[in-house]
Amino acid sequence: MKKFNIDQVEDTNITLDTVKGLAQTINDLLEDNVSLFTEYPSTNKSAKWQADNLVTKLLALAKATITATANAQNQIENVTEDFYKGGNK
C-alpha cells in the first residue's frame, strides 16, 4: 500500500476546486443568458424546443458537476481529518 501523502490530497482538492469553478462559470453563463436559448430567433417550434431542451440539460449537467465536486471535496476533507486524528502527522 502506498504511503499517504497529504500533498497529493491537497493537489486533488485544488483540481476539484478548479472543476467546480468551471462548472459554476458554465452554470452562471447559462442562467444569465438563458433567454438566448428560450427566445431562440426562429419561428420553428421544433428548433425552439431543442434550444430550450439543450439549456435545461446543460444547466442540469453544470449543477450535477458542482454537487459531485463538492461531495468529493467533503470526502477528501473527512479522510484528511481522520488521518490526522489517527496520529499520522
PDB file of N, CA and C in Angstrom:
ATOM      1  N   MET A   1       0.841  -1.178   0.000  1.00  0.00           N
ATOM      2  CA  MET A   1       0.000   0.000   0.000  1.00  0.00           C
ATOM      3  C   MET A   1       0.892   1.250   0.000  1.00  0.00           C
ATOM      4  N   LYS A   2       0.548   2.225  -0.826  1.00  0.00           N
ATOM      5  CA  LYS A   2       1.331   3.456  -0.889  1.00  0.00           C
ATOM      6  C   LYS A   2       1.143   4.267   0.383  1.00  0.00           C
ATOM      7  N   LYS A   3       2.205   4.960   0.732  1.00  0.00           N
ATOM      8  CA  LYS A   3       2.146   5.829   1.897  1.00  0.00           C
ATOM      9  C   LYS A   3       1.235   7.020   1.588  1.00  0.00           C
ATOM     10  N   PHE A   4       0.432   7.381   2.555  1.00  0.00           N
ATOM     11  CA  PHE A   4      -0.459   8.533   2.437  1.00  0.00           C
ATOM     12  C   PHE A   4       0.371   9.794   2.247  1.00  0.00           C
ATOM     13  N   ASN A   5      -0.010  10.611   1.304  1.00  0.00           N
ATOM     14  CA  ASN A   5       0.737  11.828   1.021  1.00  0.00           C
ATOM     15  C   ASN A   5      -0.244  12.996   1.024  1.00  0.00           C
ATOM     16  N   ILE A   6      -0.144  13.855   2.032  1.00  0.00           N
ATOM     17  CA  ILE A   6      -1.059  14.982   2.176  1.00  0.00           C
ATOM     18  C   ILE A   6      -0.957  15.928   0.982  1.00  0.00           C
ATOM     19  N   ASP A   7       0.220  16.024   0.371  1.00  0.00           N
ATOM     20  CA  ASP A   7       0.372  16.885  -0.808  1.00  0.00           C
ATOM     21  C   ASP A   7      -0.495  16.393  -1.960  1.00  0.00           C
ATOM     22  N   GLN A   8      -0.619  15.070  -2.103  1.00  0.00           N
ATOM     23  CA  GLN A   8      -1.472  14.512  -3.153  1.00  0.00           C
ATOM     24  C   GLN A   8      -2.933  14.861  -2.893  1.00  0.00           C
ATOM     25  N   VAL A   9      -3.332  14.799  -1.638  1.00  0.00           N
ATOM     26  CA  VAL A   9      -4.708  15.143  -1.271  1.00  0.00           C
ATOM     27  C   VAL A   9      -4.966  16.615  -1.568  1.00  0.00           C
ATOM     28  N   GLU A  10      -4.030  17.470  -1.204  1.00  0.00           N
ATOM     29  CA  GLU A  10      -4.188  18.902  -1.452  1.00  0.00           C
ATOM     30  C   GLU A  10      -4.213  19.205  -2.949  1.00  0.00           C
ATOM     31  N   ASP A  11      -3.371  18.526  -3.726  1.00  0.00           N
ATOM     32  CA  ASP A  11      -3.375  18.710  -5.179  1.00  0.00           C
ATOM     33  C   ASP A  11      -4.714  18.290  -5.775  1.00  0.00           C
ATOM     34  N   THR A  12      -5.254  17.188  -5.274  1.00  0.00           N
ATOM     35  CA  THR A  12      -6.551  16.723  -5.749  1.00  0.00           C
ATOM     36  C   THR A  12      -7.633  17.729  -5.411  1.00  0.00           C
ATOM     37  N   ASN A  13      -7.564  18.279  -4.227  1.00  0.00           N
ATOM     38  CA  ASN A  13      -8.561  19.268  -3.817  1.00  0.00           C
ATOM     39  C   ASN A  13      -8.473  20.526  -4.674  1.00  0.00           C
ATOM     40  N   ILE A  14      -7.270  20.928  -5.040  1.00  0.00           N
ATOM     41  CA  ILE A  14      -7.091  22.088  -5.921  1.00  0.00           C
ATOM     42  C   ILE A  14      -7.721  21.803  -7.286  1.00  0.00           C
ATOM     43  N   THR A  15      -7.499  20.603  -7.795  1.00  0.00           N
ATOM     44  CA  THR A  15      -8.098  20.213  -9.075  1.00  0.00           C
ATOM     45  C   THR A  15      -9.619  20.231  -8.985  1.00  0.00           C
ATOM     46  N   LEU A  16     -10.144  19.719  -7.896  1.00  0.00           N
ATOM     47  CA  LEU A  16     -11.601  19.732  -7.714  1.00  0.00           C
ATOM     48  C   LEU A  16     -12.134  21.153  -7.611  1.00  0.00           C
ATOM     49  N   ASP A  17     -11.387  22.036  -6.947  1.00  0.00           N
ATOM     50  CA  ASP A  17     -11.784  23.448  -6.886  1.00  0.00           C
ATOM     51  C   ASP A  17     -11.861  24.047  -8.285  1.00  0.00           C
ATOM     52  N   THR A  18     -10.904  23.695  -9.120  1.00  0.00           N
ATOM     53  CA  THR A  18     -10.881  24.193 -10.492  1.00  0.00           C
ATOM     54  C   THR A  18     -12.087  23.685 -11.274  1.00  0.00           C
ATOM     55  N   VAL A  19     -12.362  22.390 -11.168  1.00  0.00           N
ATOM     56  CA  VAL A  19     -13.515  21.806 -11.865  1.00  0.00           C
ATOM     57  C   VAL A  19     -14.803  22.453 -11.373  1.00  0.00           C
ATOM     58  N   LYS A  20     -14.902  22.625 -10.071  1.00  0.00           N
ATOM     59  CA  LYS A  20     -16.099  23.249  -9.502  1.00  0.00           C
ATOM     60  C   LYS A  20     -16.250  24.684 -10.006  1.00  0.00           C
ATOM     61  N   GLY A  21     -15.156  25.419 -10.072  1.00  0.00           N
ATOM     62  CA  GLY A  21     -15.203  26.792 -10.573  1.00  0.00           C
ATOM     63  C   GLY A  21     -15.623  26.860 -12.029  1.00  0.00           C
ATOM     64  N   LEU A  22     -15.111  25.943 -12.828  1.00  0.00           N
ATOM     65  CA  LEU A  22     -15.502  25.898 -14.239  1.00  0.00           C
ATOM     66  C   LEU A  22     -16.991  25.572 -14.383  1.00  0.00           C
ATOM     67  N   ALA A  23     -17.455  24.602 -13.622  1.00  0.00           N
ATOM     68  CA  ALA A  23     -18.875  24.235 -13.680  1.00  0.00           C
ATOM     69  C   ALA A  23     -19.754  25.389 -13.208  1.00  0.00           C
ATOM     70  N   GLN A  24     -19.309  26.094 -12.169  1.00  0.00           N
ATOM     71  CA  GLN A  24     -20.074  27.248 -11.680  1.00  0.00           C
ATOM     72  C   GLN A  24     -20.119  28.346 -12.726  1.00  0.00           C
ATOM     73  N   THR A  25     -19.016  28.547 -13.444  1.00  0.00           N
ATOM     74  CA  THR A  25     -18.985  29.549 -14.509  1.00  0.00           C
ATOM     75  C   THR A  25     -19.951  29.176 -15.627  1.00  0.00           C
ATOM     76  N   ILE A  26     -19.944  27.914 -16.019  1.00  0.00           N
ATOM     77  CA  ILE A  26     -20.882  27.442 -17.045  1.00  0.00           C
ATOM     78  C   ILE A  26     -22.308  27.663 -16.570  1.00  0.00           C
ATOM     79  N   ASN A  27     -22.572  27.282 -15.340  1.00  0.00           N
ATOM     80  CA  ASN A  27     -23.906  27.443 -14.771  1.00  0.00           C
ATOM     81  C   ASN A  27     -24.334  28.913 -14.798  1.00  0.00           C
ATOM     82  N   ASP A  28     -23.449  29.797 -14.348  1.00  0.00           N
ATOM     83  CA  ASP A  28     -23.762  31.225 -14.313  1.00  0.00           C
ATOM     84  C   ASP A  28     -23.998  31.781 -15.706  1.00  0.00           C
ATOM     85  N   LEU A  29     -23.150  31.406 -16.662  1.00  0.00           N
ATOM     86  CA  LEU A  29     -23.323  31.884 -18.035  1.00  0.00           C
ATOM     87  C   LEU A  29     -24.657  31.432 -18.616  1.00  0.00           C
ATOM     88  N   LEU A  30     -25.009  30.194 -18.359  1.00  0.00           N
ATOM     89  CA  LEU A  30     -26.281  29.676 -18.867  1.00  0.00           C
ATOM     90  C   LEU A  30     -27.460  30.386 -18.215  1.00  0.00           C
ATOM     91  N   GLU A  31     -27.412  30.526 -16.895  1.00  0.00           N
ATOM     92  CA  GLU A  31     -28.518  31.185 -16.208  1.00  0.00           C
ATOM     93  C   GLU A  31     -28.654  32.641 -16.634  1.00  0.00           C
ATOM     94  N   ASP A  32     -27.525  33.328 -16.817  1.00  0.00           N
ATOM     95  CA  ASP A  32     -27.552  34.734 -17.210  1.00  0.00           C
ATOM     96  C   ASP A  32     -28.012  34.932 -18.653  1.00  0.00           C
ATOM     97  N   ASN A  33     -27.818  33.906 -19.482  1.00  0.00           N
ATOM     98  CA  ASN A  33     -28.130  34.042 -20.908  1.00  0.00           C
ATOM     99  C   ASN A  33     -29.185  33.047 -21.383  1.00  0.00           C
ATOM    100  N   VAL A  34     -29.995  32.576 -20.458  1.00  0.00           N
ATOM    101  CA  VAL A  34     -30.993  31.568 -20.799  1.00  0.00           C
ATOM    102  C   VAL A  34     -31.956  32.079 -21.874  1.00  0.00           C
ATOM    103  N   SER A  35     -32.165  33.375 -21.934  1.00  0.00           N
ATOM    104  CA  SER A  35     -33.083  33.925 -22.931  1.00  0.00           C
ATOM    105  C   SER A  35     -32.579  33.691 -24.356  1.00  0.00           C
ATOM    106  N   LEU A  36     -31.257  33.568 -24.518  1.00  0.00           N
ATOM    107  CA  LEU A  36     -30.721  33.273 -25.851  1.00  0.00           C
ATOM    108  C   LEU A  36     -31.202  31.910 -26.338  1.00  0.00           C
ATOM    109  N   PHE A  37     -31.437  31.015 -25.394  1.00  0.00           N
ATOM    110  CA  PHE A  37     -31.913  29.685 -25.743  1.00  0.00           C
ATOM    111  C   PHE A  37     -33.438  29.647 -25.830  1.00  0.00           C
ATOM    112  N   THR A  38     -34.085  30.228 -24.838  1.00  0.00           N
ATOM    113  CA  THR A  38     -35.541  30.113 -24.771  1.00  0.00           C
ATOM    114  C   THR A  38     -36.247  31.040 -25.750  1.00  0.00           C
ATOM    115  N   GLU A  39     -35.576  32.099 -26.131  1.00  0.00           N
ATOM    116  CA  GLU A  39     -36.150  33.013 -27.122  1.00  0.00           C
ATOM    117  C   GLU A  39     -35.410  32.852 -28.447  1.00  0.00           C
ATOM    118  N   TYR A  40     -35.160  31.616 -28.772  1.00  0.00           N
ATOM    119  CA  TYR A  40     -34.447  31.270 -29.991  1.00  0.00           C
ATOM    120  C   TYR A  40     -35.060  32.005 -31.181  1.00  0.00           C
ATOM    121  N   PRO A  41     -34.253  32.713 -31.966  1.00  0.00           N
ATOM    122  CA  PRO A  41     -34.786  33.527 -33.072  1.00  0.00           C
ATOM    123  C   PRO A  41     -35.266  32.682 -34.262  1.00  0.00           C
ATOM    124  N   SER A  42     -36.312  31.964 -34.011  1.00  0.00           N
ATOM    125  CA  SER A  42     -36.849  31.113 -35.058  1.00  0.00           C
ATOM    126  C   SER A  42     -38.335  30.953 -34.821  1.00  0.00           C
ATOM    127  N   THR A  43     -39.045  30.782 -35.899  1.00  0.00           N
ATOM    128  CA  THR A  43     -40.480  30.509 -35.773  1.00  0.00           C
ATOM    129  C   THR A  43     -40.730  29.006 -35.743  1.00  0.00           C
ATOM    130  N   ASN A  44     -39.663  28.260 -35.928  1.00  0.00           N
ATOM    131  CA  ASN A  44     -39.761  26.809 -35.922  1.00  0.00           C
ATOM    132  C   ASN A  44     -39.882  26.317 -34.484  1.00  0.00           C
ATOM    133  N   LYS A  45     -41.055  25.770 -34.146  1.00  0.00           N
ATOM    134  CA  LYS A  45     -41.296  25.316 -32.774  1.00  0.00           C
ATOM    135  C   LYS A  45     -40.354  24.183 -32.382  1.00  0.00           C
ATOM    136  N   SER A  46     -39.985  23.354 -33.324  1.00  0.00           N
ATOM    137  CA  SER A  46     -39.065  22.259 -33.035  1.00  0.00           C
ATOM    138  C   SER A  46     -37.692  22.801 -32.652  1.00  0.00           C
ATOM    139  N   ALA A  47     -37.218  23.821 -33.371  1.00  0.00           N
ATOM    140  CA  ALA A  47     -35.916  24.420 -33.065  1.00  0.00           C
ATOM    141  C   ALA A  47     -35.957  25.099 -31.699  1.00  0.00           C
ATOM    142  N   LYS A  48     -37.047  25.774 -31.373  1.00  0.00           N
ATOM    143  CA  LYS A  48     -37.183  26.410 -30.063  1.00  0.00           C
ATOM    144  C   LYS A  48     -37.182  25.358 -28.958  1.00  0.00           C
ATOM    145  N   TRP A  49     -37.889  24.261 -29.185  1.00  0.00           N
ATOM    146  CA  TRP A  49     -37.936  23.197 -28.189  1.00  0.00           C
ATOM    147  C   TRP A  49     -36.536  22.610 -27.989  1.00  0.00           C
ATOM    148  N   GLN A  50     -35.813  22.408 -29.079  1.00  0.00           N
ATOM    149  CA  GLN A  50     -34.463  21.858 -28.979  1.00  0.00           C
ATOM    150  C   GLN A  50     -33.542  22.800 -28.208  1.00  0.00           C
ATOM    151  N   ALA A  51     -33.652  24.102 -28.461  1.00  0.00           N
ATOM    152  CA  ALA A  51     -32.819  25.077 -27.745  1.00  0.00           C
ATOM    153  C   ALA A  51     -33.160  25.077 -26.257  1.00  0.00           C
ATOM    154  N   ASP A  52     -34.440  25.050 -25.935  1.00  0.00           N
ATOM    155  CA  ASP A  52     -34.872  25.026 -24.537  1.00  0.00           C
ATOM    156  C   ASP A  52     -34.420  23.731 -23.857  1.00  0.00           C
ATOM    157  N   ASN A  53     -34.535  22.632 -24.560  1.00  0.00           N
ATOM    158  CA  ASN A  53     -34.116  21.335 -24.038  1.00  0.00           C
ATOM    159  C   ASN A  53     -32.599  21.324 -23.783  1.00  0.00           C
ATOM    160  N   LEU A  54     -31.849  21.925 -24.683  1.00  0.00           N
ATOM    161  CA  LEU A  54     -30.396  21.983 -24.531  1.00  0.00           C
ATOM    162  C   LEU A  54     -30.007  22.764 -23.287  1.00  0.00           C
ATOM    163  N   VAL A  55     -30.591  23.930 -23.084  1.00  0.00           N
ATOM    164  CA  VAL A  55     -30.236  24.738 -21.916  1.00  0.00           C
ATOM    165  C   VAL A  55     -30.625  24.012 -20.627  1.00  0.00           C
ATOM    166  N   THR A  56     -31.736  23.323 -20.630  1.00  0.00           N
ATOM    167  CA  THR A  56     -32.154  22.569 -19.450  1.00  0.00           C
ATOM    168  C   THR A  56     -31.140  21.475 -19.119  1.00  0.00           C
ATOM    169  N   LYS A  57     -30.697  20.766 -20.137  1.00  0.00           N
ATOM    170  CA  LYS A  57     -29.717  19.693 -19.930  1.00  0.00           C
ATOM    171  C   LYS A  57     -28.362  20.252 -19.503  1.00  0.00           C
ATOM    172  N   LEU A  58     -27.934  21.363 -20.107  1.00  0.00           N
ATOM    173  CA  LEU A  58     -26.649  21.960 -19.738  1.00  0.00           C
ATOM    174  C   LEU A  58     -26.666  22.481 -18.303  1.00  0.00           C
ATOM    175  N   LEU A  59     -27.771  23.102 -17.889  1.00  0.00           N
ATOM    176  CA  LEU A  59     -27.886  23.565 -16.512  1.00  0.00           C
ATOM    177  C   LEU A  59     -27.854  22.388 -15.536  1.00  0.00           C
ATOM    178  N   ALA A  60     -28.559  21.326 -15.872  1.00  0.00           N
ATOM    179  CA  ALA A  60     -28.575  20.143 -15.012  1.00  0.00           C
ATOM    180  C   ALA A  60     -27.169  19.539 -14.908  1.00  0.00           C
ATOM    181  N   LEU A  61     -26.464  19.494 -16.023  1.00  0.00           N
ATOM    182  CA  LEU A  61     -25.105  18.957 -16.041  1.00  0.00           C
ATOM    183  C   LEU A  61     -24.166  19.819 -15.197  1.00  0.00           C
ATOM    184  N   ALA A  62     -24.246  21.124 -15.343  1.00  0.00           N
ATOM    185  CA  ALA A  62     -23.395  22.021 -14.564  1.00  0.00           C
ATOM    186  C   ALA A  62     -23.684  21.876 -13.075  1.00  0.00           C
ATOM    187  N   LYS A  63     -24.965  21.839 -12.716  1.00  0.00           N
ATOM    188  CA  LYS A  63     -25.325  21.713 -11.303  1.00  0.00           C
ATOM    189  C   LYS A  63     -24.893  20.361 -10.740  1.00  0.00           C
ATOM    190  N   ALA A  64     -25.022  19.302 -11.516  1.00  0.00           N
ATOM    191  CA  ALA A  64     -24.592  17.976 -11.072  1.00  0.00           C
ATOM    192  C   ALA A  64     -23.077  17.940 -10.872  1.00  0.00           C
ATOM    193  N   THR A  65     -22.337  18.606 -11.750  1.00  0.00           N
ATOM    194  CA  THR A  65     -20.879  18.668 -11.619  1.00  0.00           C
ATOM    195  C   THR A  65     -20.490  19.414 -10.352  1.00  0.00           C
ATOM    196  N   ILE A  66     -21.162  20.506 -10.087  1.00  0.00           N
ATOM    197  CA  ILE A  66     -20.891  21.286  -8.879  1.00  0.00           C
ATOM    198  C   ILE A  66     -21.165  20.436  -7.635  1.00  0.00           C
ATOM    199  N   THR A  67     -22.277  19.753  -7.615  1.00  0.00           N
ATOM    200  CA  THR A  67     -22.641  18.911  -6.474  1.00  0.00           C
ATOM    201  C   THR A  67     -21.650  17.767  -6.281  1.00  0.00           C
ATOM    202  N   ALA A  68     -21.303  17.085  -7.372  1.00  0.00           N
ATOM    203  CA  ALA A  68     -20.372  15.960  -7.285  1.00  0.00           C
ATOM    204  C   ALA A  68     -19.000  16.424  -6.806  1.00  0.00           C
ATOM    205  N   THR A  69     -18.560  17.569  -7.276  1.00  0.00           N
ATOM    206  CA  THR A  69     -17.266  18.102  -6.864  1.00  0.00           C
ATOM    207  C   THR A  69     -17.286  18.473  -5.384  1.00  0.00           C
ATOM    208  N   ALA A  70     -18.355  19.101  -4.942  1.00  0.00           N
ATOM    209  CA  ALA A  70     -18.471  19.456  -3.525  1.00  0.00           C
ATOM    210  C   ALA A  70     -18.476  18.202  -2.657  1.00  0.00           C
ATOM    211  N   ASN A  71     -19.165  17.170  -3.099  1.00  0.00           N
ATOM    212  CA  ASN A  71     -19.179  15.911  -2.353  1.00  0.00           C
ATOM    213  C   ASN A  71     -17.782  15.295  -2.278  1.00  0.00           C
ATOM    214  N   ALA A  72     -17.055  15.318  -3.386  1.00  0.00           N
ATOM    215  CA  ALA A  72     -15.691  14.773  -3.401  1.00  0.00           C
ATOM    216  C   ALA A  72     -14.786  15.571  -2.468  1.00  0.00           C
ATOM    217  N   GLN A  73     -14.952  16.885  -2.459  1.00  0.00           N
ATOM    218  CA  GLN A  73     -14.146  17.714  -1.566  1.00  0.00           C
ATOM    219  C   GLN A  73     -14.455  17.395  -0.104  1.00  0.00           C
ATOM    220  N   ASN A  74     -15.716  17.166   0.203  1.00  0.00           N
ATOM    221  CA  ASN A  74     -16.091  16.797   1.572  1.00  0.00           C
ATOM    222  C   ASN A  74     -15.476  15.460   1.960  1.00  0.00           C
ATOM    223  N   GLN A  75     -15.464  14.525   1.028  1.00  0.00           N
ATOM    224  CA  GLN A  75     -14.868  13.221   1.299  1.00  0.00           C
ATOM    225  C   GLN A  75     -13.368  13.353   1.552  1.00  0.00           C
ATOM    226  N   ILE A  76     -12.694  14.163   0.758  1.00  0.00           N
ATOM    227  CA  ILE A  76     -11.259  14.390   0.954  1.00  0.00           C
ATOM    228  C   ILE A  76     -11.011  15.029   2.322  1.00  0.00           C
ATOM    229  N   GLU A  77     -11.836  15.990   2.667  1.00  0.00           N
ATOM    230  CA  GLU A  77     -11.693  16.655   3.960  1.00  0.00           C
ATOM    231  C   GLU A  77     -11.880  15.655   5.106  1.00  0.00           C
ATOM    232  N   ASN A  78     -12.877  14.779   4.985  1.00  0.00           N
ATOM    233  CA  ASN A  78     -13.118  13.772   6.025  1.00  0.00           C
ATOM    234  C   ASN A  78     -11.955  12.798   6.156  1.00  0.00           C
ATOM    235  N   VAL A  79     -11.413  12.363   5.021  1.00  0.00           N
ATOM    236  CA  VAL A  79     -10.276  11.441   5.041  1.00  0.00           C
ATOM    237  C   VAL A  79      -9.069  12.109   5.694  1.00  0.00           C
ATOM    238  N   THR A  80      -8.846  13.351   5.341  1.00  0.00           N
ATOM    239  CA  THR A  80      -7.708  14.088   5.903  1.00  0.00           C
ATOM    240  C   THR A  80      -7.872  14.265   7.411  1.00  0.00           C
ATOM    241  N   GLU A  81      -9.075  14.631   7.843  1.00  0.00           N
ATOM    242  CA  GLU A  81      -9.323  14.792   9.278  1.00  0.00           C
ATOM    243  C   GLU A  81      -9.116  13.470  10.010  1.00  0.00           C
ATOM    244  N   ASP A  82      -9.655  12.383   9.449  1.00  0.00           N
ATOM    245  CA  ASP A  82      -9.496  11.068  10.064  1.00  0.00           C
ATOM    246  C   ASP A  82      -8.017  10.671  10.137  1.00  0.00           C
ATOM    247  N   PHE A  83      -7.284  10.991   9.086  1.00  0.00           N
ATOM    248  CA  PHE A  83      -5.854  10.667   9.048  1.00  0.00           C
ATOM    249  C   PHE A  83      -5.124  11.367  10.192  1.00  0.00           C
ATOM    250  N   TYR A  84      -5.406  12.663  10.352  1.00  0.00           N
ATOM    251  CA  TYR A  84      -4.718  13.411  11.389  1.00  0.00           C
ATOM    252  C   TYR A  84      -5.195  13.035  12.792  1.00  0.00           C
ATOM    253  N   LYS A  85      -6.453  12.668  12.932  1.00  0.00           N
ATOM    254  CA  LYS A  85      -6.958  12.232  14.234  1.00  0.00           C
ATOM    255  C   LYS A  85      -6.290  10.933  14.655  1.00  0.00           C
ATOM    256  N   GLY A  86      -5.887  10.128  13.680  1.00  0.00           N
ATOM    257  CA  GLY A  86      -5.235   8.867  13.970  1.00  0.00           C
ATOM    258  C   GLY A  86      -3.781   9.015  14.386  1.00  0.00           C
ATOM    259  N   GLY A  87      -3.307  10.254  14.426  1.00  0.00           N
ATOM    260  CA  GLY A  87      -1.930  10.500  14.865  1.00  0.00           C
ATOM    261  C   GLY A  87      -0.903  10.315  13.767  1.00  0.00           C
ATOM    262  N   ASN A  88      -1.308  10.368  12.525  1.00  0.00           N
ATOM    263  CA  ASN A  88      -0.387  10.165  11.402  1.00  0.00           C
ATOM    264  C   ASN A  88       0.103  11.499  10.851  1.00  0.00           C
ATOM    265  N   LYS A  89       0.643  12.308  11.698  1.00  0.00           N
ATOM    266  CA  LYS A  89       1.099  13.635  11.268  1.00  0.00           C
ATOM    267  C   LYS A  89       2.476  13.568  10.674  1.00  0.00           C
TER     268      LYS A  89
END
